[in-house]
Every structure is written in C-alpha cells, then in structure tokens.
Amino acid sequence: MTRFPSRLLLPLALLTGGAHAATLALTVGQTGQLGRAAVTLLRAQDSRCPLNARCIQAGELRATALVVQGSRARLVHLTLPGTAAGQGLHISGANRRVAGPRPEPLQVTFSDGQ
C-alpha cells in the first residue's frame, strides 16, 4: 500500500472540491433526512419527454415538498430543470422503472447543494 505525506492530501482535497452535496431519494409520501432538515415529498408531476421518444418540448418535473428544520416548517415548490429553493434545496434527478407489469413509483432525488 502506498502512503502519501499528509501535506499532499490537503491540496488534493481542495482541488477535488472537498465537500459534496448530500442527496435524498423519495417517492410521494416518504420522509427522509437531508442535513438537518426533514423533507417530505408531497406531490410530484413528471411531464418530461420519455427516453428514445420524439417530443416537441423537453417537459419538466414539478415537486412539492414539506421541509421541517427545528421548529420551522415551509412548503417548497421545485422544478427540474430549475433553480434551488431558499436554502439550496433542489431536485438533482428523478427516475421511474417501467420494467414488469406494474411500473414503480416515481422517485425524486433532492440535493442540498452544498
């Protein structure tokens, strides 16, 4: 195993960004922890163009989430593609598996943008 001097690791961490955004994948009705906030996905509407389809426009994904941090609760409306809401919460992706007789529910991935 190769060992690197610690003085080389700090510049490497700075070059690679060091901190990464935390992510959380939820389906409608699920709640999860993202940083210090509890996020509940209340609604998701996906009008994006399916893979390998010809569409007039790309469409978008809209989601409504309840974000509770400490004693503060707020309702946020997010769009993909779009910008972060408030303190950096945004949608980083979404997927739905269609294989099999019943498609799985849409799973929306949130990021704290840090």
C-alpha atoms as a PDB file:
ATOM      1  CA  MET A   1       0.000   0.000   0.000  1.00  0.00           C
ATOM      2  CA  THR A   2       1.375   3.426  -0.967  1.00  0.00           C
ATOM      3  CA  ARG A   3       1.325   6.110   1.706  1.00  0.00           C
ATOM      4  CA  PHE A   4       1.226   9.779   0.799  1.00  0.00           C
ATOM      5  CA  PRO A   5       2.569  12.524   3.031  1.00  0.00           C
ATOM      6  CA  SER A   6      -0.309  14.388   4.721  1.00  0.00           C
ATOM      7  CA  ARG A   7       0.943  17.689   3.284  1.00  0.00           C
ATOM      8  CA  LEU A   8      -0.001  16.368  -0.191  1.00  0.00           C
ATOM      9  CA  LEU A   9      -3.529  15.312   0.760  1.00  0.00           C
ATOM     10  CA  LEU A  10      -4.822  18.763   1.758  1.00  0.00           C
ATOM     11  CA  PRO A  11      -4.124  20.362  -1.659  1.00  0.00           C
ATOM     12  CA  LEU A  12      -5.684  17.300  -3.311  1.00  0.00           C
ATOM     13  CA  ALA A  13      -8.871  17.725  -1.232  1.00  0.00           C
ATOM     14  CA  LEU A  14      -9.038  21.405  -2.184  1.00  0.00           C
ATOM     15  CA  LEU A  15      -8.646  20.609  -5.888  1.00  0.00           C
ATOM     16  CA  THR A  16     -11.385  17.966  -5.867  1.00  0.00           C
ATOM     17  CA  GLY A  17     -13.851  20.198  -4.044  1.00  0.00           C
ATOM     18  CA  GLY A  18     -13.647  18.508  -0.646  1.00  0.00           C
ATOM     19  CA  ALA A  19     -17.355  18.797   0.281  1.00  0.00           C
ATOM     20  CA  HIS A  20     -20.056  17.055  -1.696  1.00  0.00           C
ATOM     21  CA  ALA A  21     -23.774  17.766  -1.789  1.00  0.00           C
ATOM     22  CA  ALA A  22     -25.936  15.411   0.242  1.00  0.00           C
ATOM     23  CA  THR A  23     -28.754  13.693  -1.643  1.00  0.00           C
ATOM     24  CA  LEU A  24     -32.037  12.085  -0.647  1.00  0.00           C
ATOM     25  CA  ALA A  25     -34.299   9.965  -2.885  1.00  0.00           C
ATOM     26  CA  LEU A  26     -38.022   9.857  -2.029  1.00  0.00           C
ATOM     27  CA  THR A  27     -41.300   8.691  -3.519  1.00  0.00           C
ATOM     28  CA  VAL A  28     -44.556  10.563  -2.847  1.00  0.00           C
ATOM     29  CA  GLY A  29     -45.494  10.297   0.830  1.00  0.00           C
ATOM     30  CA  GLN A  30     -41.997   9.410   2.060  1.00  0.00           C
ATOM     31  CA  THR A  31     -39.965  11.488   4.520  1.00  0.00           C
ATOM     32  CA  GLY A  32     -36.205  11.496   4.890  1.00  0.00           C
ATOM     33  CA  GLN A  33     -33.413  13.461   6.499  1.00  0.00           C
ATOM     34  CA  LEU A  34     -31.294  15.811   4.371  1.00  0.00           C
ATOM     35  CA  GLY A  35     -28.708  17.527   6.512  1.00  0.00           C
ATOM     36  CA  ARG A  36     -30.559  18.993   9.495  1.00  0.00           C
ATOM     37  CA  ALA A  37     -33.919  19.124   7.686  1.00  0.00           C
ATOM     38  CA  ALA A  38     -36.689  16.545   7.373  1.00  0.00           C
ATOM     39  CA  VAL A  39     -38.027  16.529   3.805  1.00  0.00           C
ATOM     40  CA  THR A  40     -41.409  15.016   2.859  1.00  0.00           C
ATOM     41  CA  LEU A  41     -42.303  14.645  -0.816  1.00  0.00           C
ATOM     42  CA  LEU A  42     -45.978  15.617  -1.025  1.00  0.00           C
ATOM     43  CA  ARG A  43     -46.532  15.700  -4.789  1.00  0.00           C
ATOM     44  CA  ALA A  44     -44.612  15.021  -8.000  1.00  0.00           C
ATOM     45  CA  GLN A  45     -45.740  15.667 -11.556  1.00  0.00           C
ATOM     46  CA  ASP A  46     -43.496  14.449 -14.391  1.00  0.00           C
ATOM     47  CA  SER A  47     -44.094  15.749 -17.923  1.00  0.00           C
ATOM     48  CA  ARG A  48     -40.546  15.110 -19.175  1.00  0.00           C
ATOM     49  CA  CYS A  49     -40.085  13.516 -22.575  1.00  0.00           C
ATOM     50  CA  PRO A  50     -39.566   9.729 -22.246  1.00  0.00           C
ATOM     51  CA  LEU A  51     -36.264   8.184 -23.309  1.00  0.00           C
ATOM     52  CA  ASN A  52     -35.997   7.458 -27.062  1.00  0.00           C
ATOM     53  CA  ALA A  53     -39.163   9.440 -27.836  1.00  0.00           C
ATOM     54  CA  ARG A  54     -39.639  12.446 -30.107  1.00  0.00           C
ATOM     55  CA  CYS A  55     -41.187  15.330 -28.227  1.00  0.00           C
ATOM     56  CA  ILE A  56     -41.984  18.907 -29.184  1.00  0.00           C
ATOM     57  CA  GLN A  57     -40.599  20.139 -25.862  1.00  0.00           C
ATOM     58  CA  ALA A  58     -38.462  18.547 -23.151  1.00  0.00           C
ATOM     59  CA  GLY A  59     -41.041  18.944 -20.379  1.00  0.00           C
ATOM     60  CA  GLU A  60     -40.311  19.308 -16.685  1.00  0.00           C
ATOM     61  CA  LEU A  61     -40.652  17.677 -13.310  1.00  0.00           C
ATOM     62  CA  ARG A  62     -42.515  19.599 -10.608  1.00  0.00           C
ATOM     63  CA  ALA A  63     -42.414  18.594  -6.964  1.00  0.00           C
ATOM     64  CA  THR A  64     -43.928  19.948  -3.765  1.00  0.00           C
ATOM     65  CA  ALA A  65     -42.141  19.158  -0.519  1.00  0.00           C
ATOM     66  CA  LEU A  66     -42.569  19.981   3.140  1.00  0.00           C
ATOM     67  CA  VAL A  67     -39.246  20.933   4.747  1.00  0.00           C
ATOM     68  CA  VAL A  68     -39.051  20.954   8.551  1.00  0.00           C
ATOM     69  CA  GLN A  69     -35.937  22.224  10.271  1.00  0.00           C
ATOM     70  CA  GLY A  70     -36.129  22.683  14.029  1.00  0.00           C
ATOM     71  CA  SER A  71     -39.396  24.473  14.779  1.00  0.00           C
ATOM     72  CA  ARG A  72     -39.604  25.939  11.260  1.00  0.00           C
ATOM     73  CA  ALA A  73     -41.715  24.330   8.531  1.00  0.00           C
ATOM     74  CA  ARG A  74     -42.015  25.533   4.951  1.00  0.00           C
ATOM     75  CA  LEU A  75     -43.674  24.308   1.793  1.00  0.00           C
ATOM     76  CA  VAL A  76     -41.418  24.441  -1.273  1.00  0.00           C
ATOM     77  CA  HIS A  77     -42.279  24.075  -4.944  1.00  0.00           C
ATOM     78  CA  LEU A  78     -39.370  22.828  -7.071  1.00  0.00           C
ATOM     79  CA  THR A  79     -38.896  22.297 -10.792  1.00  0.00           C
ATOM     80  CA  LEU A  80     -36.376  20.254 -12.794  1.00  0.00           C
ATOM     81  CA  PRO A  81     -34.737  21.841 -14.664  1.00  0.00           C
ATOM     82  CA  GLY A  82     -34.808  24.786 -12.278  1.00  0.00           C
ATOM     83  CA  THR A  83     -33.107  26.652  -9.511  1.00  0.00           C
ATOM     84  CA  ALA A  84     -32.650  25.982  -5.813  1.00  0.00           C
ATOM     85  CA  ALA A  85     -35.390  26.972  -3.388  1.00  0.00           C
ATOM     86  CA  GLY A  86     -34.457  29.026  -0.369  1.00  0.00           C
ATOM     87  CA  GLN A  87     -31.519  27.455   1.393  1.00  0.00           C
ATOM     88  CA  GLY A  88     -30.181  25.437  -1.531  1.00  0.00           C
ATOM     89  CA  LEU A  89     -32.686  22.571  -1.770  1.00  0.00           C
ATOM     90  CA  HIS A  90     -33.162  21.461  -5.367  1.00  0.00           C
ATOM     91  CA  ILE A  91     -34.111  18.428  -7.463  1.00  0.00           C
ATOM     92  CA  SER A  92     -30.997  16.708  -8.769  1.00  0.00           C
ATOM     93  CA  GLY A  93     -32.799  13.939 -10.647  1.00  0.00           C
ATOM     94  CA  ALA A  94     -35.751  11.588 -10.869  1.00  0.00           C
ATOM     95  CA  ASN A  95     -36.401   8.125 -12.227  1.00  0.00           C
ATOM     96  CA  ARG A  96     -39.107   5.548 -12.638  1.00  0.00           C
ATOM     97  CA  ARG A  97     -38.550   1.915 -13.559  1.00  0.00           C
ATOM     98  CA  VAL A  98     -41.090   0.737 -16.089  1.00  0.00           C
ATOM     99  CA  ALA A  99     -39.999  -2.920 -16.316  1.00  0.00           C
ATOM    100  CA  GLY A 100     -42.541  -5.551 -15.358  1.00  0.00           C
ATOM    101  CA  PRO A 101     -46.336  -5.495 -15.265  1.00  0.00           C
ATOM    102  CA  ARG A 102     -46.524  -2.603 -12.791  1.00  0.00           C
ATOM    103  CA  PRO A 103     -44.212   0.396 -13.064  1.00  0.00           C
ATOM    104  CA  GLU A 104     -42.524   1.522  -9.858  1.00  0.00           C
ATOM    105  CA  PRO A 105     -43.497   4.910  -8.417  1.00  0.00           C
ATOM    106  CA  LEU A 106     -41.545   7.977  -9.436  1.00  0.00           C
ATOM    107  CA  GLN A 107     -38.508   8.533  -7.215  1.00  0.00           C
ATOM    108  CA  VAL A 108     -37.317  12.132  -6.875  1.00  0.00           C
ATOM    109  CA  THR A 109     -33.751  12.854  -5.714  1.00  0.00           C
ATOM    110  CA  PHE A 110     -33.215  16.049  -3.737  1.00  0.00           C
ATOM    111  CA  SER A 111     -29.878  17.707  -3.052  1.00  0.00           C
ATOM    112  CA  ASP A 112     -28.867  20.319  -0.509  1.00  0.00           C
ATOM    113  CA  GLY A 113     -26.439  21.887  -2.989  1.00  0.00           C
ATOM    114  CA  GLN A 114     -23.541  22.127  -0.543  1.00  0.00           C
END
